[in-house]
C-alpha atoms as a PDB file:
ATOM      1  CA  UNK A   1     153.470  43.477-142.558  1.00  0.00           C
ATOM      2  CA  UNK A   2     153.875  47.223-141.896  1.00  0.00           C
ATOM      3  CA  UNK A   3     152.208  49.552-144.320  1.00  0.00           C
ATOM      4  CA  UNK A   4     152.682  53.227-144.952  1.00  0.00           C
ATOM      5  CA  UNK A   5     155.532  55.393-143.856  1.00  0.00           C
ATOM      6  CA  UNK A   6     157.279  55.580-140.485  1.00  0.00           C
ATOM      7  CA  UNK A   7     155.319  57.388-137.778  1.00  0.00           C
ATOM      8  CA  UNK A   8     156.560  59.659-135.023  1.00  0.00           C
ATOM      9  CA  UNK A   9     153.971  58.340-132.563  1.00  0.00           C
ATOM     10  CA  UNK A  10     154.092  54.558-132.786  1.00  0.00           C
ATOM     11  CA  UNK A  11     151.531  53.825-130.103  1.00  0.00           C
ATOM     12  CA  UNK A  12     148.537  54.922-132.194  1.00  0.00           C
ATOM     13  CA  UNK A  13     145.722  52.449-132.647  1.00  0.00           C
ATOM     14  CA  UNK A  14     143.539  52.517-135.750  1.00  0.00           C
ATOM     15  CA  UNK A  15     140.222  53.445-134.178  1.00  0.00           C
ATOM     16  CA  UNK A  16     137.621  54.699-136.637  1.00  0.00           C
ATOM     17  CA  UNK A  17     135.644  56.247-133.767  1.00  0.00           C
ATOM     18  CA  UNK A  18     138.482  58.717-133.167  1.00  0.00           C
ATOM     19  CA  UNK A  19     139.370  59.555-136.759  1.00  0.00           C
ATOM     20  CA  UNK A  20     139.618  63.301-137.408  1.00  0.00           C
ATOM     21  CA  UNK A  21     138.474  64.786-140.695  1.00  0.00           C
ATOM     22  CA  UNK A  22     138.055  68.464-141.317  1.00  0.00           C
ATOM     23  CA  UNK A  23     138.883  71.538-143.319  1.00  0.00           C
ATOM     24  CA  UNK A  24     141.200  74.364-142.331  1.00  0.00           C
ATOM     25  CA  UNK A  25     141.144  78.031-143.235  1.00  0.00           C
ATOM     26  CA  UNK A  26     144.168  79.431-145.051  1.00  0.00           C
ATOM     27  CA  UNK A  27     145.446  80.791-141.727  1.00  0.00           C
ATOM     28  CA  UNK A  28     144.889  77.415-140.068  1.00  0.00           C
ATOM     29  CA  UNK A  29     146.687  75.620-142.917  1.00  0.00           C
ATOM     30  CA  UNK A  30     149.671  77.932-142.582  1.00  0.00           C
ATOM     31  CA  UNK A  31     149.845  77.360-138.828  1.00  0.00           C
ATOM     32  CA  UNK A  32     149.382  73.604-139.264  1.00  0.00           C
ATOM     33  CA  UNK A  33     152.241  73.404-141.764  1.00  0.00           C
ATOM     34  CA  UNK A  34     154.449  75.475-139.458  1.00  0.00           C
ATOM     35  CA  UNK A  35     153.767  73.027-136.608  1.00  0.00           C
ATOM     36  CA  UNK A  36     154.457  70.061-138.925  1.00  0.00           C
ATOM     37  CA  UNK A  37     157.838  71.601-139.736  1.00  0.00           C
ATOM     38  CA  UNK A  38     158.510  72.233-136.035  1.00  0.00           C
ATOM     39  CA  UNK A  39     157.739  68.579-135.221  1.00  0.00           C
ATOM     40  CA  UNK A  40     160.017  67.420-138.037  1.00  0.00           C
ATOM     41  CA  UNK A  41     162.877  69.542-136.727  1.00  0.00           C
ATOM     42  CA  UNK A  42     162.320  68.242-133.173  1.00  0.00           C
ATOM     43  CA  UNK A  43     162.229  64.645-134.421  1.00  0.00           C
ATOM     44  CA  UNK A  44     165.467  65.086-136.349  1.00  0.00           C
ATOM     45  CA  UNK A  45     167.179  66.858-133.435  1.00  0.00           C
ATOM     46  CA  UNK A  46     166.313  64.074-130.987  1.00  0.00           C
ATOM     47  CA  UNK A  47     166.599  60.972-133.187  1.00  0.00           C
ATOM     48  CA  UNK A  48     169.156  62.104-135.755  1.00  0.00           C
ATOM     49  CA  UNK A  49     166.803  60.840-138.468  1.00  0.00           C
ATOM     50  CA  UNK A  50     164.598  62.675-140.911  1.00  0.00           C
ATOM     51  CA  UNK A  51     161.113  61.433-141.815  1.00  0.00           C
ATOM     52  CA  UNK A  52     158.078  62.773-143.592  1.00  0.00           C
ATOM     53  CA  UNK A  53     155.644  64.022-140.936  1.00  0.00           C
ATOM     54  CA  UNK A  54     152.033  62.915-141.463  1.00  0.00           C
ATOM     55  CA  UNK A  55     148.894  64.887-140.720  1.00  0.00           C
ATOM     56  CA  UNK A  56     148.101  62.396-137.943  1.00  0.00           C
ATOM     57  CA  UNK A  57     151.489  62.928-136.278  1.00  0.00           C
ATOM     58  CA  UNK A  58     151.042  66.704-136.508  1.00  0.00           C
ATOM     59  CA  UNK A  59     147.607  66.498-134.872  1.00  0.00           C
ATOM     60  CA  UNK A  60     148.997  64.219-132.146  1.00  0.00           C
ATOM     61  CA  UNK A  61     151.856  66.689-131.580  1.00  0.00           C
ATOM     62  CA  UNK A  62     149.398  69.567-131.241  1.00  0.00           C
ATOM     63  CA  UNK A  63     147.255  67.536-128.829  1.00  0.00           C
ATOM     64  CA  UNK A  64     150.192  66.399-126.649  1.00  0.00           C
ATOM     65  CA  UNK A  65     152.118  69.663-126.720  1.00  0.00           C
ATOM     66  CA  UNK A  66     155.788  70.317-127.361  1.00  0.00           C
ATOM     67  CA  UNK A  67     157.156  69.302-123.941  1.00  0.00           C
ATOM     68  CA  UNK A  68     155.262  66.002-123.807  1.00  0.00           C
ATOM     69  CA  UNK A  69     156.273  65.205-127.386  1.00  0.00           C
ATOM     70  CA  UNK A  70     159.930  65.894-126.638  1.00  0.00           C
ATOM     71  CA  UNK A  71     159.760  63.621-123.580  1.00  0.00           C
ATOM     72  CA  UNK A  72     158.037  60.886-125.624  1.00  0.00           C
ATOM     73  CA  UNK A  73     160.712  61.030-128.338  1.00  0.00           C
ATOM     74  CA  UNK A  74     163.574  61.046-125.824  1.00  0.00           C
ATOM     75  CA  UNK A  75     162.096  57.952-124.145  1.00  0.00           C
ATOM     76  CA  UNK A  76     161.722  56.218-127.513  1.00  0.00           C
ATOM     77  CA  UNK A  77     165.375  56.902-128.328  1.00  0.00           C
ATOM     78  CA  UNK A  78     166.489  55.734-124.866  1.00  0.00           C
ATOM     79  CA  UNK A  79     164.497  52.511-125.360  1.00  0.00           C
ATOM     80  CA  UNK A  80     166.182  51.968-128.731  1.00  0.00           C
ATOM     81  CA  UNK A  81     162.997  52.350-130.759  1.00  0.00           C
END
């Protein structure tokens, strides 16, 4: 049974050793929310669907970068996922 909401990056493994917890400054929060919005717009542009972007997906997006994320999403769409 799937739990939670749909994820942008579906190849994540629940690994407690690599869980990220932290606090952001007000400037960091603003930037983080801007990047979350950017990922949401990219996701909708490529897939034609709108989803709620999680903190984990935003962190993954920031770690992978915009170009790699776009390529990942395009491959997911091409594979019918």
